[in-house]
């Protein structure tokens, strides 16, 4: 069973004059949000095998807090989750990345990239949902019917497989 969890970074500081967007860090509200997400992951039994984060400070900080709270191994920084990498522009690149991920992975990144990636996996060219700050979204690779398994195994690469949106929970609804 292949499951991808998507988490947008928590609330970060407002960009200041002369500050680069990539240098923004979490504010107190963001740290509290990340702790809630981590607790939610732990309580709900969400157990990704690996966690991947954008290299931007607000994503790294979110990942560190979530992983600590949820008792997960530290996140691995990957450039392809950085803002505006447009990984969805190339189906082949996306397929290559997804085939390297464990069966259950948590991806921590930014908007609009997460919405575009989720929409692409769901087979839609335009974003069909907006991932809010500190929201956790789950996609599951649909299991084909036994009669279709042989046909699909050879014909459908993972990026073109049948992904299903399982749930999306904003942090304000996490206990």
N, C-alpha and C. Protein backbone atom coordinates (compact mmCIF):
# COMPACT_ATOMS: atom_id res chain seq x y z
N UNK A 1 0.84 -1.17 0.00
CA UNK A 1 0.00 0.00 0.00
C UNK A 1 0.89 1.24 0.00
N UNK A 2 0.72 2.09 -1.00
CA UNK A 2 1.51 3.31 -1.11
C UNK A 2 0.67 4.50 -0.68
N UNK A 3 1.20 5.24 0.29
CA UNK A 3 0.52 6.41 0.83
C UNK A 3 1.50 7.57 0.85
N UNK A 4 1.06 8.72 0.37
CA UNK A 4 1.85 9.95 0.46
C UNK A 4 1.10 10.94 1.34
N UNK A 5 1.81 11.49 2.30
CA UNK A 5 1.27 12.55 3.15
C UNK A 5 1.94 13.85 2.74
N UNK A 6 1.16 14.91 2.63
CA UNK A 6 1.66 16.22 2.24
C UNK A 6 1.37 17.20 3.37
N UNK A 7 2.39 17.92 3.78
CA UNK A 7 2.24 18.91 4.84
C UNK A 7 2.83 20.23 4.36
N UNK A 8 2.01 21.25 4.37
CA UNK A 8 2.55 22.58 4.09
C UNK A 8 3.19 23.10 5.37
N UNK A 9 4.28 23.81 5.23
CA UNK A 9 4.95 24.37 6.41
C UNK A 9 3.98 25.18 7.25
N UNK A 10 4.29 25.34 8.53
CA UNK A 10 3.45 26.12 9.44
C UNK A 10 3.67 27.62 9.21
N UNK A 11 2.94 28.44 9.96
CA UNK A 11 2.97 29.89 9.78
C UNK A 11 4.36 30.46 10.04
N UNK A 12 4.82 31.24 9.07
CA UNK A 12 6.16 31.85 9.13
C UNK A 12 6.03 33.36 9.24
N UNK A 13 7.16 33.99 9.53
CA UNK A 13 7.17 35.44 9.65
C UNK A 13 6.83 36.10 8.33
N UNK A 14 6.26 37.30 8.42
CA UNK A 14 5.97 38.10 7.24
C UNK A 14 7.30 38.59 6.70
N UNK A 15 7.41 38.57 5.39
CA UNK A 15 8.67 38.99 4.78
C UNK A 15 8.92 40.47 5.08
N UNK A 16 10.14 40.76 5.50
CA UNK A 16 10.56 42.13 5.83
C UNK A 16 11.30 42.73 4.65
N UNK A 17 11.36 44.06 4.60
CA UNK A 17 12.13 44.70 3.52
C UNK A 17 13.58 44.20 3.54
N UNK A 18 14.08 43.81 2.40
CA UNK A 18 15.44 43.33 2.27
C UNK A 18 15.62 41.85 2.61
N UNK A 19 14.58 41.23 3.12
CA UNK A 19 14.66 39.80 3.47
C UNK A 19 14.23 38.96 2.27
N UNK A 20 14.92 37.87 2.04
CA UNK A 20 14.53 36.95 0.99
C UNK A 20 13.42 36.03 1.50
N UNK A 21 12.50 35.68 0.63
CA UNK A 21 11.41 34.78 1.00
C UNK A 21 11.95 33.45 1.52
N UNK A 22 13.03 32.96 0.93
CA UNK A 22 13.56 31.66 1.33
C UNK A 22 14.12 31.67 2.75
N UNK A 23 14.37 32.85 3.32
CA UNK A 23 14.97 32.94 4.65
C UNK A 23 13.95 33.06 5.78
N UNK A 24 12.67 33.07 5.46
CA UNK A 24 11.66 33.25 6.51
C UNK A 24 11.62 32.05 7.45
N UNK A 25 11.42 32.33 8.73
CA UNK A 25 11.38 31.30 9.78
C UNK A 25 9.99 31.25 10.41
N UNK A 26 9.74 30.20 11.18
CA UNK A 26 8.47 30.07 11.86
C UNK A 26 8.33 31.12 12.96
N UNK A 27 7.10 31.54 13.18
CA UNK A 27 6.77 32.39 14.32
C UNK A 27 6.20 31.48 15.41
N UNK A 28 5.90 32.05 16.58
CA UNK A 28 5.38 31.24 17.68
C UNK A 28 4.14 30.45 17.28
N UNK A 29 3.23 31.11 16.56
CA UNK A 29 2.02 30.42 16.10
C UNK A 29 2.38 29.21 15.23
N UNK A 30 3.37 29.37 14.37
CA UNK A 30 3.81 28.28 13.50
C UNK A 30 4.39 27.12 14.30
N UNK A 31 5.18 27.43 15.33
CA UNK A 31 5.74 26.37 16.16
C UNK A 31 4.63 25.60 16.89
N UNK A 32 3.62 26.33 17.35
CA UNK A 32 2.48 25.68 18.01
C UNK A 32 1.70 24.80 17.01
N UNK A 33 1.54 25.31 15.80
CA UNK A 33 0.86 24.52 14.76
C UNK A 33 1.63 23.23 14.47
N UNK A 34 2.94 23.34 14.34
CA UNK A 34 3.77 22.16 14.05
C UNK A 34 3.66 21.13 15.17
N UNK A 35 3.61 21.59 16.42
CA UNK A 35 3.44 20.66 17.54
C UNK A 35 2.08 19.96 17.46
N UNK A 36 1.03 20.70 17.09
CA UNK A 36 -0.30 20.09 16.94
C UNK A 36 -0.30 19.04 15.85
N UNK A 37 0.35 19.34 14.73
CA UNK A 37 0.43 18.38 13.63
C UNK A 37 1.17 17.13 14.08
N UNK A 38 2.28 17.30 14.76
CA UNK A 38 3.04 16.15 15.25
C UNK A 38 2.23 15.29 16.21
N UNK A 39 1.51 15.94 17.11
CA UNK A 39 0.65 15.20 18.04
C UNK A 39 -0.47 14.48 17.31
N UNK A 40 -1.04 15.12 16.30
CA UNK A 40 -2.09 14.50 15.49
C UNK A 40 -1.56 13.26 14.79
N UNK A 41 -0.39 13.38 14.19
CA UNK A 41 0.23 12.25 13.50
C UNK A 41 0.44 11.09 14.46
N UNK A 42 0.93 11.39 15.65
CA UNK A 42 1.18 10.35 16.65
C UNK A 42 -0.12 9.70 17.10
N UNK A 43 -1.11 10.50 17.45
CA UNK A 43 -2.39 9.98 17.95
C UNK A 43 -3.17 9.20 16.90
N UNK A 44 -3.05 9.60 15.64
CA UNK A 44 -3.81 8.94 14.57
C UNK A 44 -3.08 7.73 13.99
N UNK A 45 -1.89 7.47 14.46
CA UNK A 45 -1.15 6.31 13.96
C UNK A 45 -0.61 6.49 12.55
N UNK A 46 -0.45 7.74 12.13
CA UNK A 46 0.17 8.01 10.84
C UNK A 46 1.66 7.72 11.03
N UNK A 47 2.18 6.81 10.24
CA UNK A 47 3.55 6.37 10.49
C UNK A 47 4.37 6.32 9.19
N UNK A 48 4.73 7.50 8.68
CA UNK A 48 5.54 7.48 7.45
C UNK A 48 6.90 6.85 7.72
N UNK A 49 7.38 6.12 6.74
CA UNK A 49 8.70 5.49 6.86
C UNK A 49 9.80 6.53 6.80
N UNK A 50 9.59 7.56 5.97
CA UNK A 50 10.57 8.63 5.85
C UNK A 50 9.86 9.96 5.67
N UNK A 51 10.56 11.00 6.10
CA UNK A 51 10.04 12.36 6.00
C UNK A 51 11.01 13.16 5.14
N UNK A 52 10.46 13.89 4.17
CA UNK A 52 11.26 14.71 3.27
C UNK A 52 10.80 16.16 3.40
N UNK A 53 11.75 17.09 3.43
CA UNK A 53 11.43 18.50 3.61
C UNK A 53 12.13 19.36 2.58
N UNK A 54 11.47 20.46 2.24
CA UNK A 54 12.11 21.52 1.47
C UNK A 54 13.31 22.02 2.28
N UNK A 55 14.33 22.54 1.62
CA UNK A 55 15.49 23.06 2.35
C UNK A 55 15.29 24.45 2.94
N UNK A 56 14.12 25.05 2.77
CA UNK A 56 13.88 26.39 3.30
C UNK A 56 13.66 26.32 4.81
N UNK A 57 14.15 27.32 5.56
CA UNK A 57 14.07 27.27 7.02
C UNK A 57 12.68 26.99 7.59
N UNK A 58 11.63 27.62 7.04
CA UNK A 58 10.30 27.42 7.61
C UNK A 58 9.83 25.98 7.45
N UNK A 59 10.23 25.31 6.37
CA UNK A 59 9.88 23.90 6.17
C UNK A 59 10.75 23.01 7.05
N UNK A 60 12.03 23.31 7.14
CA UNK A 60 12.94 22.52 7.99
C UNK A 60 12.49 22.60 9.45
N UNK A 61 12.14 23.80 9.90
CA UNK A 61 11.69 23.98 11.28
C UNK A 61 10.39 23.23 11.54
N UNK A 62 9.46 23.31 10.59
CA UNK A 62 8.20 22.57 10.71
C UNK A 62 8.50 21.08 10.81
N UNK A 63 9.34 20.59 9.93
CA UNK A 63 9.68 19.16 9.91
C UNK A 63 10.32 18.72 11.22
N UNK A 64 11.24 19.52 11.76
CA UNK A 64 11.93 19.15 13.00
C UNK A 64 10.94 19.02 14.16
N UNK A 65 10.04 19.97 14.27
CA UNK A 65 9.05 19.94 15.36
C UNK A 65 8.09 18.78 15.19
N UNK A 66 7.58 18.60 13.97
CA UNK A 66 6.64 17.51 13.70
C UNK A 66 7.29 16.16 13.99
N UNK A 67 8.49 15.97 13.49
CA UNK A 67 9.19 14.69 13.70
C UNK A 67 9.44 14.42 15.17
N UNK A 68 9.82 15.45 15.91
CA UNK A 68 10.05 15.27 17.35
C UNK A 68 8.75 14.90 18.07
N UNK A 69 7.69 15.63 17.79
CA UNK A 69 6.40 15.39 18.45
C UNK A 69 5.82 14.03 18.08
N UNK A 70 6.00 13.61 16.83
CA UNK A 70 5.40 12.37 16.33
C UNK A 70 6.33 11.16 16.51
N UNK A 71 7.51 11.40 17.09
CA UNK A 71 8.49 10.34 17.31
C UNK A 71 8.94 9.69 16.00
N UNK A 72 9.18 10.53 15.00
CA UNK A 72 9.64 10.09 13.69
C UNK A 72 11.13 10.39 13.54
N UNK A 73 11.78 9.68 12.65
CA UNK A 73 13.17 9.97 12.33
C UNK A 73 13.26 11.37 11.74
N UNK A 74 14.38 12.05 11.91
CA UNK A 74 14.52 13.41 11.35
C UNK A 74 14.27 13.43 9.84
N UNK A 75 13.79 14.57 9.39
CA UNK A 75 13.49 14.76 7.97
C UNK A 75 14.77 14.88 7.15
N UNK A 76 14.66 14.47 5.90
CA UNK A 76 15.75 14.62 4.94
C UNK A 76 15.41 15.81 4.04
N UNK A 77 16.34 16.72 3.88
CA UNK A 77 16.13 17.87 3.01
C UNK A 77 16.33 17.45 1.56
N UNK A 78 15.37 17.84 0.71
CA UNK A 78 15.47 17.55 -0.72
C UNK A 78 15.14 18.82 -1.51
N UNK A 79 15.96 19.11 -2.47
CA UNK A 79 15.78 20.34 -3.26
C UNK A 79 14.48 20.36 -4.05
N UNK A 80 13.99 19.19 -4.47
CA UNK A 80 12.81 19.19 -5.33
C UNK A 80 11.54 19.60 -4.58
N UNK A 81 11.59 19.75 -3.25
CA UNK A 81 10.45 20.29 -2.51
C UNK A 81 10.58 21.79 -2.27
N UNK A 82 11.64 22.41 -2.78
CA UNK A 82 11.81 23.85 -2.64
C UNK A 82 10.78 24.57 -3.50
N UNK A 83 10.40 25.72 -3.06
CA UNK A 83 9.38 26.51 -3.74
C UNK A 83 9.79 26.80 -5.18
N UNK A 84 8.82 26.68 -6.07
CA UNK A 84 8.98 26.99 -7.49
C UNK A 84 9.90 26.06 -8.25
N UNK A 85 10.10 24.85 -7.78
CA UNK A 85 10.90 23.91 -8.56
C UNK A 85 10.09 23.34 -9.71
N UNK A 86 8.78 23.43 -9.61
CA UNK A 86 7.87 22.98 -10.66
C UNK A 86 8.14 21.55 -11.10
N UNK A 87 8.25 20.67 -10.12
CA UNK A 87 8.50 19.26 -10.40
C UNK A 87 7.38 18.66 -11.26
N UNK A 88 6.20 19.25 -11.19
CA UNK A 88 5.08 18.70 -11.95
C UNK A 88 5.17 19.04 -13.44
N UNK A 89 6.08 19.91 -13.83
CA UNK A 89 6.23 20.24 -15.25
C UNK A 89 6.72 19.04 -16.05
N UNK A 90 7.39 18.13 -15.42
CA UNK A 90 7.94 16.98 -16.12
C UNK A 90 7.41 15.69 -15.52
N UNK A 91 6.53 15.03 -16.24
CA UNK A 91 5.98 13.76 -15.77
C UNK A 91 7.05 12.71 -15.52
N UNK A 92 8.08 12.69 -16.37
CA UNK A 92 9.16 11.71 -16.22
C UNK A 92 9.95 11.98 -14.94
N UNK A 93 10.22 13.26 -14.66
CA UNK A 93 10.96 13.60 -13.44
C UNK A 93 10.14 13.22 -12.21
N UNK A 94 8.84 13.51 -12.26
CA UNK A 94 7.97 13.17 -11.14
C UNK A 94 7.93 11.67 -10.93
N UNK A 95 7.79 10.93 -12.00
CA UNK A 95 7.76 9.47 -11.90
C UNK A 95 9.04 8.94 -11.26
N UNK A 96 10.17 9.47 -11.67
CA UNK A 96 11.44 9.03 -11.11
C UNK A 96 11.54 9.32 -9.62
N UNK A 97 11.08 10.50 -9.21
CA UNK A 97 11.12 10.85 -7.80
C UNK A 97 10.20 9.95 -6.98
N UNK A 98 8.99 9.74 -7.45
CA UNK A 98 8.03 8.95 -6.68
C UNK A 98 8.42 7.49 -6.55
N UNK A 99 9.07 6.96 -7.56
CA UNK A 99 9.47 5.55 -7.48
C UNK A 99 10.59 5.34 -6.47
N UNK A 100 11.27 6.42 -6.08
CA UNK A 100 12.34 6.32 -5.09
C UNK A 100 11.85 6.47 -3.66
N UNK A 101 10.60 6.85 -3.48
CA UNK A 101 10.06 7.07 -2.14
C UNK A 101 9.60 5.76 -1.51
N UNK A 102 9.72 5.66 -0.18
CA UNK A 102 9.17 4.49 0.50
C UNK A 102 7.65 4.44 0.35
N UNK A 103 7.07 3.30 0.72
CA UNK A 103 5.63 3.09 0.56
C UNK A 103 4.81 4.13 1.31
N UNK A 104 5.33 4.65 2.41
CA UNK A 104 4.64 5.71 3.15
C UNK A 104 5.64 6.83 3.43
N UNK A 105 5.40 7.98 2.82
CA UNK A 105 6.31 9.11 2.96
C UNK A 105 5.53 10.38 3.29
N UNK A 106 6.17 11.24 4.08
CA UNK A 106 5.63 12.56 4.41
C UNK A 106 6.48 13.59 3.69
N UNK A 107 5.83 14.45 2.89
CA UNK A 107 6.51 15.48 2.12
C UNK A 107 6.12 16.84 2.69
N UNK A 108 7.10 17.63 3.10
CA UNK A 108 6.84 18.94 3.70
C UNK A 108 7.36 20.01 2.76
N UNK A 109 6.43 20.86 2.30
CA UNK A 109 6.82 21.86 1.31
C UNK A 109 5.98 23.11 1.36
N UNK A 110 5.73 23.67 0.18
CA UNK A 110 5.18 25.02 0.04
C UNK A 110 4.02 25.03 -0.96
N UNK A 111 3.32 26.16 -0.94
CA UNK A 111 2.31 26.44 -1.95
C UNK A 111 2.92 27.36 -2.99
N UNK A 112 2.55 27.26 -4.22
CA UNK A 112 1.49 26.43 -4.79
C UNK A 112 1.96 25.03 -5.20
N UNK A 113 3.22 24.73 -4.92
CA UNK A 113 3.79 23.47 -5.40
C UNK A 113 3.05 22.23 -4.90
N UNK A 114 2.69 22.21 -3.59
CA UNK A 114 2.00 21.03 -3.07
C UNK A 114 0.63 20.83 -3.74
N UNK A 115 -0.11 21.92 -3.91
CA UNK A 115 -1.41 21.80 -4.59
C UNK A 115 -1.26 21.31 -6.01
N UNK A 116 -0.25 21.81 -6.70
CA UNK A 116 0.00 21.37 -8.08
C UNK A 116 0.39 19.89 -8.13
N UNK A 117 1.25 19.47 -7.21
CA UNK A 117 1.68 18.08 -7.18
C UNK A 117 0.52 17.15 -6.85
N UNK A 118 -0.27 17.49 -5.85
CA UNK A 118 -1.44 16.68 -5.48
C UNK A 118 -2.40 16.60 -6.65
N UNK A 119 -2.69 17.73 -7.27
CA UNK A 119 -3.61 17.75 -8.41
C UNK A 119 -3.09 16.90 -9.55
N UNK A 120 -1.79 17.00 -9.82
CA UNK A 120 -1.18 16.19 -10.89
C UNK A 120 -1.36 14.70 -10.60
N UNK A 121 -1.11 14.31 -9.36
CA UNK A 121 -1.26 12.89 -9.00
C UNK A 121 -2.71 12.43 -9.12
N UNK A 122 -3.65 13.35 -8.88
CA UNK A 122 -5.07 13.02 -9.00
C UNK A 122 -5.56 13.12 -10.44
N UNK A 123 -4.66 13.44 -11.37
CA UNK A 123 -5.00 13.45 -12.78
C UNK A 123 -5.61 14.73 -13.29
N UNK A 124 -5.37 15.84 -12.60
CA UNK A 124 -5.94 17.13 -12.98
C UNK A 124 -4.80 18.11 -13.23
N UNK A 125 -4.93 18.89 -14.29
CA UNK A 125 -3.86 19.83 -14.64
C UNK A 125 -3.86 21.10 -13.79
N UNK A 126 -5.02 21.51 -13.31
CA UNK A 126 -5.12 22.72 -12.50
C UNK A 126 -5.32 22.34 -11.04
N UNK A 127 -4.85 23.18 -10.11
CA UNK A 127 -5.02 22.86 -8.69
C UNK A 127 -6.50 22.68 -8.32
N UNK A 128 -6.79 21.58 -7.63
CA UNK A 128 -8.17 21.33 -7.23
C UNK A 128 -8.38 21.57 -5.73
N UNK A 129 -7.30 21.82 -5.01
CA UNK A 129 -7.41 22.21 -3.62
C UNK A 129 -6.24 23.09 -3.27
N UNK A 130 -6.45 23.92 -2.27
CA UNK A 130 -5.37 24.78 -1.79
C UNK A 130 -4.93 24.22 -0.44
N UNK A 131 -3.67 23.87 -0.35
CA UNK A 131 -3.14 23.32 0.90
C UNK A 131 -2.82 24.50 1.81
N UNK A 132 -3.55 24.59 2.91
CA UNK A 132 -3.37 25.68 3.86
C UNK A 132 -2.17 25.42 4.76
N UNK A 133 -1.66 26.44 5.40
CA UNK A 133 -0.50 26.29 6.27
C UNK A 133 -0.78 25.27 7.37
N UNK A 134 0.17 24.37 7.56
CA UNK A 134 0.12 23.31 8.57
C UNK A 134 -1.05 22.34 8.37
N UNK A 135 -1.51 22.21 7.13
CA UNK A 135 -2.55 21.22 6.82
C UNK A 135 -1.89 19.93 6.36
N UNK A 136 -2.48 18.83 6.75
CA UNK A 136 -1.96 17.52 6.41
C UNK A 136 -2.94 16.84 5.45
N UNK A 137 -2.43 16.39 4.31
CA UNK A 137 -3.25 15.78 3.27
C UNK A 137 -2.71 14.39 2.97
N UNK A 138 -3.61 13.44 2.76
CA UNK A 138 -3.22 12.05 2.51
C UNK A 138 -3.76 11.58 1.17
N UNK A 139 -2.85 11.06 0.33
CA UNK A 139 -3.21 10.42 -0.94
C UNK A 139 -2.78 8.96 -0.87
N UNK A 140 -3.63 8.11 -1.42
CA UNK A 140 -3.34 6.67 -1.42
C UNK A 140 -3.39 6.15 -2.85
N UNK A 141 -2.44 5.31 -3.17
CA UNK A 141 -2.43 4.67 -4.47
C UNK A 141 -3.50 3.60 -4.46
N UNK A 142 -4.47 3.73 -5.35
CA UNK A 142 -5.59 2.79 -5.39
C UNK A 142 -5.10 1.40 -5.78
N UNK A 143 -5.62 0.41 -5.10
CA UNK A 143 -5.30 -0.99 -5.41
C UNK A 143 -6.17 -1.41 -6.59
N UNK A 144 -5.58 -1.87 -7.68
CA UNK A 144 -6.38 -2.31 -8.82
C UNK A 144 -7.10 -3.62 -8.50
N UNK A 145 -8.18 -3.85 -9.20
CA UNK A 145 -8.88 -5.12 -9.08
C UNK A 145 -7.93 -6.23 -9.53
N UNK A 146 -8.06 -7.42 -8.99
CA UNK A 146 -7.15 -8.52 -9.34
C UNK A 146 -7.10 -8.76 -10.85
N UNK A 147 -8.22 -8.64 -11.52
CA UNK A 147 -8.24 -8.89 -12.96
C UNK A 147 -7.46 -7.82 -13.73
N UNK A 148 -7.32 -6.64 -13.12
CA UNK A 148 -6.62 -5.55 -13.79
C UNK A 148 -5.16 -5.46 -13.38
N UNK A 149 -4.74 -6.17 -12.35
CA UNK A 149 -3.40 -6.00 -11.80
C UNK A 149 -2.30 -6.24 -12.83
N UNK A 150 -2.42 -7.29 -13.61
CA UNK A 150 -1.36 -7.60 -14.57
C UNK A 150 -1.27 -6.53 -15.65
N UNK A 151 -2.43 -6.06 -16.14
CA UNK A 151 -2.42 -5.03 -17.17
C UNK A 151 -1.81 -3.74 -16.64
N UNK A 152 -2.23 -3.32 -15.44
CA UNK A 152 -1.79 -2.05 -14.90
C UNK A 152 -0.34 -2.08 -14.46
N UNK A 153 0.11 -3.18 -13.95
CA UNK A 153 1.49 -3.27 -13.46
C UNK A 153 2.48 -2.96 -14.57
N UNK A 154 2.21 -3.42 -15.75
CA UNK A 154 3.12 -3.19 -16.86
C UNK A 154 2.87 -1.85 -17.55
N UNK A 155 1.63 -1.39 -17.53
CA UNK A 155 1.26 -0.23 -18.34
C UNK A 155 1.35 1.10 -17.62
N UNK A 156 1.10 1.17 -16.32
CA UNK A 156 0.96 2.47 -15.66
C UNK A 156 2.12 2.77 -14.72
N UNK A 157 2.95 3.75 -15.07
CA UNK A 157 3.97 4.18 -14.14
C UNK A 157 3.31 4.82 -12.91
N UNK A 158 4.05 4.91 -11.82
CA UNK A 158 3.47 5.36 -10.56
C UNK A 158 2.87 6.76 -10.65
N UNK A 159 3.48 7.68 -11.40
CA UNK A 159 2.95 9.03 -11.50
C UNK A 159 1.65 9.07 -12.27
N UNK A 160 1.36 8.06 -13.09
CA UNK A 160 0.12 8.03 -13.85
C UNK A 160 -0.86 7.02 -13.26
N UNK A 161 -0.51 6.43 -12.14
CA UNK A 161 -1.37 5.45 -11.49
C UNK A 161 -2.59 6.16 -10.90
N UNK A 162 -3.45 5.40 -10.34
CA UNK A 162 -4.71 5.93 -9.84
C UNK A 162 -4.59 6.30 -8.35
N UNK A 163 -4.30 7.56 -8.11
CA UNK A 163 -4.20 8.06 -6.74
C UNK A 163 -5.57 8.53 -6.28
N UNK A 164 -5.85 8.38 -5.00
CA UNK A 164 -7.12 8.80 -4.40
C UNK A 164 -6.85 9.70 -3.21
N UNK A 165 -7.58 10.79 -3.14
CA UNK A 165 -7.51 11.66 -1.98
C UNK A 165 -8.24 10.97 -0.84
N UNK A 166 -7.54 10.70 0.25
CA UNK A 166 -8.14 10.04 1.41
C UNK A 166 -8.72 11.06 2.39
N UNK A 167 -7.93 12.07 2.70
CA UNK A 167 -8.38 13.12 3.61
C UNK A 167 -7.41 14.29 3.57
N UNK A 168 -7.91 15.43 4.04
CA UNK A 168 -7.09 16.62 4.20
C UNK A 168 -7.59 17.33 5.45
N UNK A 169 -6.70 17.53 6.43
CA UNK A 169 -7.11 18.08 7.72
C UNK A 169 -6.32 19.37 8.00
N UNK A 170 -7.03 20.50 8.09
CA UNK A 170 -6.36 21.73 8.50
C UNK A 170 -5.96 21.64 9.98
N UNK A 171 -4.90 22.31 10.35
CA UNK A 171 -4.40 22.22 11.71
C UNK A 171 -5.44 22.67 12.74
N UNK A 172 -6.32 23.59 12.38
CA UNK A 172 -7.31 24.06 13.35
C UNK A 172 -8.31 22.97 13.73
N UNK A 173 -8.39 21.90 12.95
CA UNK A 173 -9.29 20.79 13.29
C UNK A 173 -8.56 19.62 13.93
N UNK A 174 -7.28 19.77 14.18
CA UNK A 174 -6.51 18.71 14.83
C UNK A 174 -6.63 18.88 16.34
N UNK A 175 -7.02 17.81 17.04
CA UNK A 175 -7.20 17.93 18.50
C UNK A 175 -5.88 18.18 19.21
